[in-house]
N, C-alpha and C. Protein backbone atom coordinates (compact mmCIF):
# COMPACT_ATOMS: atom_id res chain seq x y z
N UNK A 1 34.11 46.18 63.30
CA UNK A 1 35.42 46.67 63.12
C UNK A 1 35.58 48.04 63.80
N UNK A 2 34.73 48.85 63.81
CA UNK A 2 34.84 50.15 64.46
C UNK A 2 34.91 50.08 66.02
N UNK A 3 34.55 48.93 66.49
CA UNK A 3 34.78 48.63 67.99
C UNK A 3 36.27 48.52 68.28
N UNK A 4 37.07 48.13 67.29
CA UNK A 4 38.51 47.87 67.47
C UNK A 4 39.36 48.85 66.73
N UNK A 5 38.85 49.73 65.99
CA UNK A 5 39.65 50.69 65.19
C UNK A 5 38.98 52.07 65.08
N UNK A 6 39.57 53.02 65.65
CA UNK A 6 38.95 54.43 65.59
C UNK A 6 39.36 55.09 64.36
N UNK A 7 38.39 55.37 63.47
CA UNK A 7 38.73 56.09 62.19
C UNK A 7 37.93 57.44 62.24
N UNK A 8 37.36 57.78 63.36
CA UNK A 8 36.49 58.87 63.30
C UNK A 8 37.29 60.28 63.08
N UNK A 9 38.61 60.28 63.23
CA UNK A 9 39.30 61.48 63.06
C UNK A 9 39.81 61.70 61.58
N UNK A 10 39.58 60.71 60.74
CA UNK A 10 40.06 60.77 59.37
C UNK A 10 39.06 61.55 58.46
N UNK A 11 39.67 62.25 57.49
CA UNK A 11 38.66 62.87 56.51
C UNK A 11 38.03 61.87 55.70
N UNK A 12 36.90 62.22 54.93
CA UNK A 12 35.95 61.18 54.39
C UNK A 12 36.51 60.14 53.49
N UNK A 13 37.23 60.49 52.54
CA UNK A 13 37.75 59.61 51.60
C UNK A 13 38.80 58.77 52.12
N UNK A 14 39.60 59.33 52.96
CA UNK A 14 40.65 58.52 53.59
C UNK A 14 40.07 57.45 54.57
N UNK A 15 39.04 57.86 55.24
CA UNK A 15 38.35 56.99 56.11
C UNK A 15 37.67 55.83 55.35
N UNK A 16 37.12 56.16 54.17
CA UNK A 16 36.41 55.11 53.34
C UNK A 16 37.41 54.10 52.84
N UNK A 17 38.57 54.55 52.33
CA UNK A 17 39.58 53.68 51.88
C UNK A 17 40.08 52.78 52.99
N UNK A 18 40.51 53.38 54.09
CA UNK A 18 41.03 52.66 55.22
C UNK A 18 40.06 51.58 55.62
N UNK A 19 38.88 51.91 55.89
CA UNK A 19 37.93 50.98 56.42
C UNK A 19 37.62 49.90 55.44
N UNK A 20 37.52 50.16 54.13
CA UNK A 20 37.31 49.06 53.21
C UNK A 20 38.49 48.09 53.09
N UNK A 21 39.70 48.72 53.10
CA UNK A 21 40.84 47.85 52.95
C UNK A 21 41.04 46.97 54.23
N UNK A 22 40.88 47.55 55.48
CA UNK A 22 40.97 46.83 56.67
C UNK A 22 39.91 45.73 56.64
N UNK A 23 38.82 45.91 56.26
CA UNK A 23 37.55 45.02 56.26
C UNK A 23 37.75 43.86 55.29
N UNK A 24 38.37 44.28 54.11
CA UNK A 24 38.69 43.23 53.10
C UNK A 24 39.70 42.23 53.49
N UNK A 25 40.66 42.71 54.17
CA UNK A 25 41.74 41.82 54.71
C UNK A 25 41.59 41.27 56.08
N UNK A 26 40.62 41.79 56.84
CA UNK A 26 40.44 41.42 58.26
C UNK A 26 41.74 41.66 59.05
N UNK A 27 42.38 42.76 58.66
CA UNK A 27 43.76 43.12 59.16
C UNK A 27 43.80 44.57 59.61
N UNK A 28 43.83 44.75 60.94
CA UNK A 28 43.82 46.09 61.49
C UNK A 28 45.08 46.84 61.14
N UNK A 29 46.19 46.13 60.94
CA UNK A 29 47.51 46.77 60.74
C UNK A 29 47.55 47.65 59.48
N UNK A 30 46.56 47.36 58.54
CA UNK A 30 46.58 48.28 57.30
C UNK A 30 46.29 49.75 57.84
N UNK A 31 45.71 49.92 58.90
CA UNK A 31 45.40 51.37 59.29
C UNK A 31 46.60 52.16 59.52
N UNK A 32 47.74 51.46 59.91
CA UNK A 32 49.04 52.19 60.14
C UNK A 32 49.92 51.95 58.96
N UNK A 33 49.61 51.18 58.00
CA UNK A 33 50.45 50.79 56.90
C UNK A 33 50.13 51.53 55.59
N UNK A 34 49.00 52.00 55.46
CA UNK A 34 48.58 52.69 54.26
C UNK A 34 49.06 54.02 54.23
N UNK A 35 49.44 54.45 53.02
CA UNK A 35 49.89 55.89 52.74
C UNK A 35 49.04 56.49 51.67
N UNK A 36 48.23 57.51 52.11
CA UNK A 36 47.37 58.19 51.15
C UNK A 36 47.08 59.64 51.47
N UNK A 37 46.51 60.39 50.63
CA UNK A 37 46.33 61.79 50.79
C UNK A 37 44.88 62.22 50.39
N UNK A 38 44.24 62.88 51.20
CA UNK A 38 42.78 63.17 51.04
C UNK A 38 42.65 64.09 49.74
N UNK A 39 43.58 65.03 49.60
CA UNK A 39 43.37 65.86 48.35
C UNK A 39 43.51 65.10 47.11
N UNK A 40 44.46 64.11 47.02
CA UNK A 40 44.56 63.31 45.88
C UNK A 40 43.44 62.37 45.61
N UNK A 41 42.92 61.92 46.83
CA UNK A 41 41.74 60.94 46.72
C UNK A 41 40.52 61.73 46.19
N UNK A 42 40.36 62.97 46.59
CA UNK A 42 39.20 63.83 46.08
C UNK A 42 39.22 64.12 44.62
N UNK A 43 40.51 64.32 44.08
CA UNK A 43 40.65 64.52 42.69
C UNK A 43 40.40 63.21 41.89
N UNK A 44 40.89 62.11 42.45
CA UNK A 44 40.65 60.76 41.87
C UNK A 44 39.22 60.42 41.89
N UNK A 45 38.55 60.73 42.96
CA UNK A 45 37.11 60.48 43.13
C UNK A 45 36.31 61.14 41.99
N UNK A 46 36.59 62.44 41.78
CA UNK A 46 35.98 63.16 40.74
C UNK A 46 36.27 62.48 39.42
N UNK A 47 37.55 62.17 39.09
CA UNK A 47 37.84 61.54 37.80
C UNK A 47 37.10 60.28 37.54
N UNK A 48 37.04 59.50 38.65
CA UNK A 48 36.42 58.11 38.51
C UNK A 48 34.91 58.40 38.14
N UNK A 49 34.22 59.29 38.85
CA UNK A 49 32.81 59.48 38.67
C UNK A 49 32.57 60.33 37.30
N UNK A 50 33.59 60.84 36.78
CA UNK A 50 33.45 61.56 35.56
C UNK A 50 33.70 60.59 34.38
N UNK A 51 34.06 59.34 34.67
CA UNK A 51 34.16 58.30 33.65
C UNK A 51 35.58 57.91 33.22
N UNK A 52 36.59 58.32 34.12
CA UNK A 52 37.93 58.02 33.73
C UNK A 52 38.17 56.52 33.80
N UNK A 53 39.03 55.88 32.70
CA UNK A 53 39.10 54.45 32.76
C UNK A 53 39.76 53.92 33.92
N UNK A 54 39.53 52.70 34.25
CA UNK A 54 40.17 51.90 35.40
C UNK A 54 40.86 50.84 34.73
N UNK A 55 42.19 50.76 35.13
CA UNK A 55 43.12 49.71 34.53
C UNK A 55 43.49 48.92 35.78
N UNK A 56 43.57 47.53 35.49
CA UNK A 56 43.97 46.60 36.66
C UNK A 56 45.19 45.78 36.04
N UNK A 57 45.87 45.19 37.01
CA UNK A 57 47.05 44.38 36.45
C UNK A 57 46.68 42.97 36.23
N UNK A 58 45.69 42.40 37.08
CA UNK A 58 45.25 41.04 36.90
C UNK A 58 43.78 40.90 36.92
N UNK A 59 43.20 39.73 36.43
CA UNK A 59 41.75 39.65 36.47
C UNK A 59 41.17 39.56 37.94
N UNK A 60 42.02 39.04 38.85
CA UNK A 60 41.51 38.88 40.22
C UNK A 60 41.18 40.33 40.73
N UNK A 61 41.96 41.34 40.40
CA UNK A 61 41.66 42.69 40.85
C UNK A 61 40.36 43.17 40.12
N UNK A 62 40.23 42.91 38.86
CA UNK A 62 38.94 43.27 38.13
C UNK A 62 37.78 42.57 38.77
N UNK A 63 37.95 41.31 39.20
CA UNK A 63 36.76 40.60 39.75
C UNK A 63 36.26 41.17 41.08
N UNK A 64 37.10 41.92 41.75
CA UNK A 64 36.81 42.53 42.99
C UNK A 64 36.16 43.90 42.87
N UNK A 65 36.32 44.45 41.67
CA UNK A 65 35.77 45.79 41.39
C UNK A 65 34.33 45.76 40.86
N UNK A 66 33.50 46.30 41.61
CA UNK A 66 32.00 46.18 41.26
C UNK A 66 31.51 47.54 40.59
N UNK A 67 30.49 47.31 39.70
CA UNK A 67 29.83 48.39 39.10
C UNK A 67 30.73 49.22 38.15
N UNK A 68 31.83 48.79 37.69
CA UNK A 68 32.61 49.42 36.76
C UNK A 68 33.45 48.52 35.86
N UNK A 69 33.39 48.70 34.50
CA UNK A 69 34.15 48.01 33.63
C UNK A 69 35.71 48.34 33.88
N UNK A 70 36.57 47.37 33.60
CA UNK A 70 37.99 47.62 33.88
C UNK A 70 38.73 47.24 32.64
N UNK A 71 39.95 47.68 32.45
CA UNK A 71 40.89 47.20 31.34
C UNK A 71 42.00 46.37 31.97
N UNK A 72 42.04 45.17 31.40
CA UNK A 72 43.22 44.32 31.85
C UNK A 72 43.79 43.61 30.63
N UNK A 73 45.04 43.80 30.27
CA UNK A 73 45.60 43.32 29.04
C UNK A 73 46.54 42.12 29.25
N UNK A 74 46.57 41.51 30.48
CA UNK A 74 47.38 40.39 30.72
C UNK A 74 47.33 39.26 29.78
N UNK A 75 46.17 38.88 29.39
CA UNK A 75 45.98 37.88 28.49
C UNK A 75 46.62 38.06 27.08
N UNK A 76 46.67 39.34 26.68
CA UNK A 76 47.26 39.72 25.52
C UNK A 76 48.86 39.86 25.50
N UNK A 77 49.36 39.86 26.63
CA UNK A 77 50.78 40.25 26.91
C UNK A 77 51.71 39.09 26.73
N UNK A 78 52.86 39.45 26.36
CA UNK A 78 53.97 38.33 26.21
C UNK A 78 55.21 38.74 27.00
N UNK A 79 55.96 37.83 27.60
CA UNK A 79 57.11 38.11 28.32
C UNK A 79 58.27 38.14 27.22
N UNK A 80 59.41 38.87 27.58
CA UNK A 80 60.51 38.93 26.66
C UNK A 80 61.79 39.17 27.56
N UNK A 81 62.94 39.34 26.87
CA UNK A 81 64.12 39.64 27.70
C UNK A 81 63.89 40.95 28.49
N UNK A 82 64.02 40.82 29.72
CA UNK A 82 63.83 42.05 30.55
C UNK A 82 62.49 42.51 30.76
N UNK A 83 61.46 41.83 30.29
CA UNK A 83 60.16 42.29 30.33
C UNK A 83 59.22 41.08 30.82
N UNK A 84 58.51 41.31 31.92
CA UNK A 84 57.57 40.30 32.26
C UNK A 84 56.21 40.44 31.58
N UNK A 85 55.42 39.45 31.63
CA UNK A 85 54.08 39.67 31.05
C UNK A 85 53.33 40.69 31.74
N UNK A 86 53.44 40.76 33.01
CA UNK A 86 52.71 41.84 33.71
C UNK A 86 53.17 43.24 33.25
N UNK A 87 54.38 43.42 33.07
CA UNK A 87 55.01 44.73 32.66
C UNK A 87 54.48 45.02 31.18
N UNK A 88 54.45 44.02 30.37
CA UNK A 88 53.90 44.22 28.96
C UNK A 88 52.48 44.46 29.01
N UNK A 89 51.69 43.99 29.87
CA UNK A 89 50.29 44.22 30.01
C UNK A 89 50.02 45.74 30.35
N UNK A 90 50.87 46.21 31.14
CA UNK A 90 50.79 47.61 31.50
C UNK A 90 51.04 48.47 30.28
N UNK A 91 52.06 48.16 29.46
CA UNK A 91 52.30 48.91 28.21
C UNK A 91 51.12 48.89 27.33
N UNK A 92 50.52 47.66 27.07
CA UNK A 92 49.46 47.55 26.22
C UNK A 92 48.30 48.30 26.77
N UNK A 93 47.96 48.30 28.10
CA UNK A 93 46.85 49.03 28.57
C UNK A 93 47.00 50.57 28.46
N UNK A 94 48.28 51.03 28.59
CA UNK A 94 48.49 52.47 28.54
C UNK A 94 48.28 52.84 27.00
N UNK A 95 48.69 52.00 26.08
CA UNK A 95 48.42 52.29 24.63
C UNK A 95 46.98 52.38 24.36
N UNK A 96 46.06 51.63 25.13
CA UNK A 96 44.69 51.63 24.92
C UNK A 96 44.07 52.80 25.62
N UNK A 97 44.31 53.17 26.85
CA UNK A 97 43.58 54.14 27.50
C UNK A 97 44.31 55.56 27.62
N UNK A 98 45.53 55.65 27.38
CA UNK A 98 46.21 56.94 27.42
C UNK A 98 46.25 57.50 28.90
N UNK A 99 46.54 58.80 28.98
CA UNK A 99 46.70 59.44 30.27
C UNK A 99 45.35 59.62 31.00
N UNK A 100 45.41 59.91 32.29
CA UNK A 100 44.21 60.19 33.07
C UNK A 100 43.53 59.00 33.64
N UNK A 101 43.91 57.86 33.59
CA UNK A 101 43.20 56.71 34.07
C UNK A 101 43.55 56.42 35.49
N UNK A 102 42.78 55.69 36.22
CA UNK A 102 43.00 55.22 37.51
C UNK A 102 43.67 53.71 37.30
N UNK A 103 44.81 53.55 37.95
CA UNK A 103 45.46 52.27 37.76
C UNK A 103 45.40 51.54 39.07
N UNK A 104 44.98 50.19 39.06
CA UNK A 104 44.85 49.41 40.33
C UNK A 104 45.82 48.23 40.17
N UNK A 105 46.79 48.21 41.01
CA UNK A 105 47.82 47.15 40.83
C UNK A 105 47.96 46.39 42.21
N UNK A 106 47.53 45.23 42.20
CA UNK A 106 47.42 44.51 43.46
C UNK A 106 48.16 43.20 43.45
N UNK A 107 48.97 42.99 42.37
CA UNK A 107 49.64 41.55 42.28
C UNK A 107 51.02 41.63 42.04
N UNK A 108 51.43 42.17 40.92
CA UNK A 108 52.74 42.09 40.39
C UNK A 108 53.58 43.32 40.63
N UNK A 109 54.66 43.41 41.36
CA UNK A 109 55.50 44.60 41.49
C UNK A 109 56.07 45.09 40.13
N UNK A 110 56.28 44.16 39.17
CA UNK A 110 56.85 44.54 37.88
C UNK A 110 55.83 45.38 37.15
N UNK A 111 54.53 45.20 37.35
CA UNK A 111 53.55 46.05 36.69
C UNK A 111 53.57 47.42 37.26
N UNK A 112 53.79 47.58 38.46
CA UNK A 112 53.92 48.88 39.12
C UNK A 112 55.20 49.49 38.65
N UNK A 113 56.22 48.85 38.58
CA UNK A 113 57.53 49.39 38.11
C UNK A 113 57.28 49.86 36.74
N UNK A 114 56.74 49.06 35.78
CA UNK A 114 56.56 49.48 34.49
C UNK A 114 55.75 50.75 34.34
N UNK A 115 54.71 50.90 35.15
CA UNK A 115 53.79 51.99 35.07
C UNK A 115 54.63 53.28 35.34
N UNK A 116 55.58 53.08 36.24
CA UNK A 116 56.42 54.36 36.75
C UNK A 116 57.31 54.77 35.65
N UNK A 117 57.53 54.03 34.50
CA UNK A 117 58.46 54.34 33.42
C UNK A 117 57.65 55.09 32.38
N UNK A 118 56.30 55.04 32.46
CA UNK A 118 55.52 55.70 31.43
C UNK A 118 55.07 57.02 31.85
N UNK A 119 54.70 57.85 30.82
CA UNK A 119 54.24 59.22 31.06
C UNK A 119 52.71 59.09 31.13
N UNK A 120 52.29 58.39 32.15
CA UNK A 120 50.82 58.04 32.14
C UNK A 120 49.88 59.11 32.70
N UNK A 121 50.44 60.10 33.46
CA UNK A 121 49.68 61.14 34.03
C UNK A 121 48.42 60.59 34.71
N UNK A 122 48.60 59.60 35.69
CA UNK A 122 47.25 58.95 36.13
C UNK A 122 46.49 59.88 37.06
N UNK A 123 45.21 59.69 37.01
CA UNK A 123 44.31 60.31 38.09
C UNK A 123 44.75 59.70 39.47
N UNK A 124 44.98 58.45 39.54
CA UNK A 124 45.47 57.85 40.86
C UNK A 124 46.09 56.54 40.42
N UNK A 125 47.11 56.16 41.19
CA UNK A 125 47.71 54.84 41.23
C UNK A 125 47.43 54.09 42.57
N UNK A 126 46.60 53.09 42.59
CA UNK A 126 46.49 52.22 43.78
C UNK A 126 47.48 51.24 43.66
N UNK A 127 48.61 51.35 44.29
CA UNK A 127 49.76 50.46 44.20
C UNK A 127 49.90 49.64 45.47
N UNK A 128 49.31 48.38 45.33
CA UNK A 128 49.30 47.47 46.53
C UNK A 128 49.75 46.10 46.10
N UNK A 129 50.86 45.87 45.35
CA UNK A 129 51.30 44.63 45.05
C UNK A 129 51.84 43.89 46.30
N UNK A 130 51.72 42.60 46.34
CA UNK A 130 52.08 41.81 47.54
C UNK A 130 53.26 40.95 47.25
N UNK A 131 54.07 40.69 48.32
CA UNK A 131 55.16 39.74 48.23
C UNK A 131 56.49 40.17 48.68
N UNK A 132 57.40 39.26 48.84
CA UNK A 132 58.57 39.47 49.57
C UNK A 132 59.78 39.85 48.49
N UNK A 133 59.32 39.78 47.18
CA UNK A 133 60.37 40.21 46.19
C UNK A 133 59.80 41.39 45.42
N UNK A 134 60.37 42.52 45.58
CA UNK A 134 60.11 43.64 44.77
C UNK A 134 58.85 44.56 45.25
N UNK A 135 58.04 44.00 46.04
CA UNK A 135 56.81 44.75 46.44
C UNK A 135 57.01 45.90 47.27
N UNK A 136 57.89 45.84 48.36
CA UNK A 136 58.22 46.97 49.15
C UNK A 136 58.87 48.16 48.29
N UNK A 137 59.83 47.67 47.48
CA UNK A 137 60.70 48.56 46.69
C UNK A 137 59.81 49.18 45.57
N UNK A 138 58.96 48.61 44.95
CA UNK A 138 58.09 49.15 43.94
C UNK A 138 57.15 50.18 44.53
N UNK A 139 56.60 49.90 45.69
CA UNK A 139 55.71 50.83 46.53
C UNK A 139 56.39 52.06 46.89
N UNK A 140 57.71 51.86 47.40
CA UNK A 140 58.41 53.06 47.82
C UNK A 140 58.78 53.94 46.58
N UNK A 141 59.07 53.23 45.38
CA UNK A 141 59.33 54.12 44.21
C UNK A 141 58.05 54.87 43.79
N UNK A 142 56.95 54.22 43.98
CA UNK A 142 55.63 54.96 43.74
C UNK A 142 55.52 56.21 44.59
N UNK A 143 55.79 56.08 45.82
CA UNK A 143 55.63 57.26 46.70
C UNK A 143 56.62 58.36 46.33
N UNK A 144 57.88 57.88 45.89
CA UNK A 144 58.92 58.82 45.59
C UNK A 144 58.61 59.58 44.21
N UNK A 145 57.82 58.94 43.47
CA UNK A 145 57.50 59.46 42.11
C UNK A 145 56.77 60.77 42.11
N UNK A 146 56.04 60.97 43.20
CA UNK A 146 55.14 62.17 43.31
C UNK A 146 53.78 62.03 42.65
N UNK A 147 53.53 60.88 42.02
CA UNK A 147 52.22 60.65 41.44
C UNK A 147 51.13 60.49 42.51
N UNK A 148 49.90 60.91 42.25
CA UNK A 148 48.82 60.62 43.21
C UNK A 148 48.71 59.20 43.45
N UNK A 149 48.67 58.72 44.67
CA UNK A 149 48.75 57.32 44.98
C UNK A 149 48.09 56.89 46.31
N UNK A 150 47.70 55.66 46.24
CA UNK A 150 47.47 54.84 47.48
C UNK A 150 48.44 53.74 47.56
N UNK A 151 49.26 53.62 48.62
CA UNK A 151 50.21 52.55 48.67
C UNK A 151 50.26 52.20 50.16
N UNK A 152 51.17 51.10 50.42
CA UNK A 152 51.42 50.77 51.77
C UNK A 152 52.94 50.48 51.94
N UNK A 153 53.44 50.46 53.14
CA UNK A 153 54.80 50.38 53.44
C UNK A 153 55.35 48.98 53.45
N UNK A 154 54.51 48.06 53.88
CA UNK A 154 54.96 46.64 54.15
C UNK A 154 54.82 45.77 52.83
N UNK A 155 55.23 44.57 53.07
CA UNK A 155 55.04 43.44 52.02
C UNK A 155 53.66 43.07 51.65
N UNK A 156 52.83 43.51 52.60
CA UNK A 156 51.35 43.20 52.44
C UNK A 156 50.67 43.85 51.13
N UNK A 157 49.56 43.33 50.75
CA UNK A 157 48.93 43.86 49.57
C UNK A 157 48.07 42.80 49.03
N UNK A 158 47.79 42.83 47.72
CA UNK A 158 46.99 41.78 47.00
C UNK A 158 45.73 42.37 46.32
N UNK A 159 45.28 41.39 45.51
CA UNK A 159 44.09 41.81 44.73
C UNK A 159 42.96 42.35 45.43
N UNK A 160 42.66 41.66 46.66
CA UNK A 160 41.41 41.99 47.39
C UNK A 160 41.52 43.40 47.96
N UNK A 161 42.71 43.69 48.53
CA UNK A 161 42.85 45.05 49.16
C UNK A 161 42.89 46.14 48.09
N UNK A 162 43.54 45.87 46.93
CA UNK A 162 43.63 46.86 45.91
C UNK A 162 42.22 47.12 45.37
N UNK A 163 41.41 46.16 45.06
CA UNK A 163 40.08 46.35 44.55
C UNK A 163 39.17 47.09 45.58
N UNK A 164 39.43 46.76 46.97
CA UNK A 164 38.74 47.43 48.02
C UNK A 164 38.92 48.92 48.02
N UNK A 165 40.16 49.25 47.83
CA UNK A 165 40.55 50.72 47.80
C UNK A 165 39.82 51.38 46.61
N UNK A 166 39.74 50.73 45.51
CA UNK A 166 39.10 51.37 44.32
C UNK A 166 37.51 51.49 44.63
N UNK A 167 37.01 50.38 45.27
CA UNK A 167 35.58 50.39 45.58
C UNK A 167 35.18 51.46 46.52
N UNK A 168 36.13 51.81 47.46
CA UNK A 168 35.81 52.86 48.41
C UNK A 168 35.58 54.17 47.70
N UNK A 169 36.30 54.45 46.66
CA UNK A 169 36.08 55.68 45.90
C UNK A 169 34.81 55.56 45.00
N UNK A 170 34.60 54.44 44.54
CA UNK A 170 33.43 54.14 43.65
C UNK A 170 32.18 54.33 44.36
N UNK A 171 32.07 53.83 45.62
CA UNK A 171 30.86 53.87 46.33
C UNK A 171 30.72 55.16 47.24
N UNK A 172 31.74 55.91 47.35
CA UNK A 172 31.66 57.25 48.12
C UNK A 172 30.64 58.11 47.45
N UNK A 173 29.80 58.82 48.11
CA UNK A 173 28.82 59.63 47.50
C UNK A 173 29.49 60.82 46.75
N UNK A 174 28.94 61.21 45.61
CA UNK A 174 29.37 62.23 44.82
C UNK A 174 28.77 63.57 45.26
N UNK A 175 27.72 63.49 46.09
CA UNK A 175 27.05 64.72 46.39
C UNK A 175 27.77 65.56 47.52
N UNK A 176 28.75 64.81 48.20
CA UNK A 176 29.41 65.50 49.29
C UNK A 176 30.92 65.30 49.16
N UNK A 177 31.48 65.93 48.17
CA UNK A 177 32.98 65.65 47.91
C UNK A 177 33.72 66.20 49.07
N UNK A 178 34.84 65.48 49.36
CA UNK A 178 35.66 65.91 50.52
C UNK A 178 36.55 67.06 50.13
N UNK A 179 36.98 67.75 51.18
CA UNK A 179 37.88 68.81 50.92
C UNK A 179 39.32 68.43 50.78
N UNK A 180 40.15 69.13 50.04
CA UNK A 180 41.56 68.84 49.91
C UNK A 180 42.21 68.65 51.35
N UNK A 181 43.24 67.95 51.48
CA UNK A 181 43.89 67.85 52.67
C UNK A 181 44.47 69.15 53.17
N UNK A 182 44.51 69.33 54.41
CA UNK A 182 45.06 70.51 55.03
C UNK A 182 46.10 70.07 56.07
N UNK A 183 46.89 71.03 56.70
CA UNK A 183 47.74 70.63 57.77
C UNK A 183 47.05 69.83 58.85
N UNK A 184 45.74 70.04 59.16
CA UNK A 184 45.04 69.30 60.12
C UNK A 184 44.50 68.00 59.70
N UNK A 185 44.58 67.79 58.41
CA UNK A 185 43.95 66.51 57.84
C UNK A 185 45.08 65.51 57.56
N UNK A 186 44.87 64.31 58.16
CA UNK A 186 45.89 63.32 58.04
C UNK A 186 45.99 62.91 56.57
N UNK A 187 47.30 62.65 56.19
CA UNK A 187 47.51 62.33 54.75
C UNK A 187 48.61 61.37 54.68
N UNK A 188 49.04 60.71 55.71
CA UNK A 188 50.04 59.63 55.57
C UNK A 188 49.79 58.52 56.65
N UNK A 189 50.54 57.49 56.61
CA UNK A 189 50.37 56.46 57.48
C UNK A 189 50.49 56.84 58.98
N UNK A 190 51.20 57.90 59.23
CA UNK A 190 51.34 58.29 60.59
C UNK A 190 50.06 58.62 61.22
N UNK A 191 49.05 59.05 60.41
CA UNK A 191 47.70 59.49 61.00
C UNK A 191 46.75 58.28 61.15
N UNK A 192 47.17 57.11 60.76
CA UNK A 192 46.14 56.06 60.54
C UNK A 192 46.38 54.94 61.56
N UNK A 193 46.70 55.27 62.77
CA UNK A 193 47.01 54.20 63.82
C UNK A 193 45.75 53.63 64.43
N UNK A 194 45.76 52.30 64.67
CA UNK A 194 44.71 51.62 65.36
C UNK A 194 44.51 52.21 66.78
N UNK A 195 43.29 52.30 67.24
CA UNK A 195 42.99 52.96 68.48
C UNK A 195 43.55 52.06 69.49
N UNK A 196 44.23 52.62 70.56
CA UNK A 196 44.78 51.92 71.58
C UNK A 196 43.65 51.26 72.59
N UNK A 197 42.56 51.90 72.45
CA UNK A 197 41.35 51.30 73.23
C UNK A 197 40.08 51.50 72.39
N UNK A 198 39.18 50.66 72.50
CA UNK A 198 37.96 50.78 71.63
C UNK A 198 37.31 52.20 71.90
N UNK A 199 36.94 52.88 70.85
CA UNK A 199 36.24 54.18 70.97
C UNK A 199 35.21 54.43 69.95
N UNK A 200 35.14 53.94 68.90
CA UNK A 200 34.17 53.98 67.83
C UNK A 200 34.32 52.71 67.06
N UNK A 201 34.85 53.55 68.24
CA UNK A 201 35.36 52.59 67.42
C UNK A 201 34.36 51.81 66.66
N UNK A 202 47.90 36.48 40.48
CA UNK A 202 47.33 35.58 39.56
C UNK A 202 48.47 35.16 38.84
N UNK A 203 48.32 36.11 39.51
CA UNK A 203 49.15 35.52 38.59
C UNK A 203 50.35 36.34 38.47
N UNK A 204 51.43 35.99 39.09
CA UNK A 204 52.65 36.80 38.99
C UNK A 204 53.47 36.18 37.81
N UNK A 205 54.12 37.15 37.08
CA UNK A 205 54.92 36.66 36.01
C UNK A 205 55.92 37.69 35.72
């Protein structure tokens, strides 16, 4: 992968997330599609390794997260007027874990939309739902919310890339925490372009 994508200029956690997401999807376009901030990732990394809960929207996301138990309440959720099962599952999960969790949403835009209505005070929201209906809009709303987040601009996303982003933080060493982002540290999709030449190069409801 590094023969086709130069990530050497990225700060450590940003680089880890970008590389895992690109690798999981075999899609270099994620390098310019992802939006993330090194300082937010550093705080989320600390929270994760201090034992903060991890909540997922669907079991497929949970299946991709290794070495950590997750909370998924989709099986307990019910749909109703103006409420999807995915959204209800997010409500149930918040009632269980409270504030300070890491939320990993890779399937249903309505799950992400519901999370944004709660006073969840998340350590991080990995918001990468996929699809042509609501995905772009929900991810834009996440970025506008000011919450610490990993998102992307396009319709792309899915369970595999969402779990890959969490795994990048889970497997990153705790002995060498990264520094908060600075003006010289890339923190948005503009900094994550593929190299022009090799150099280092479930249920929706």
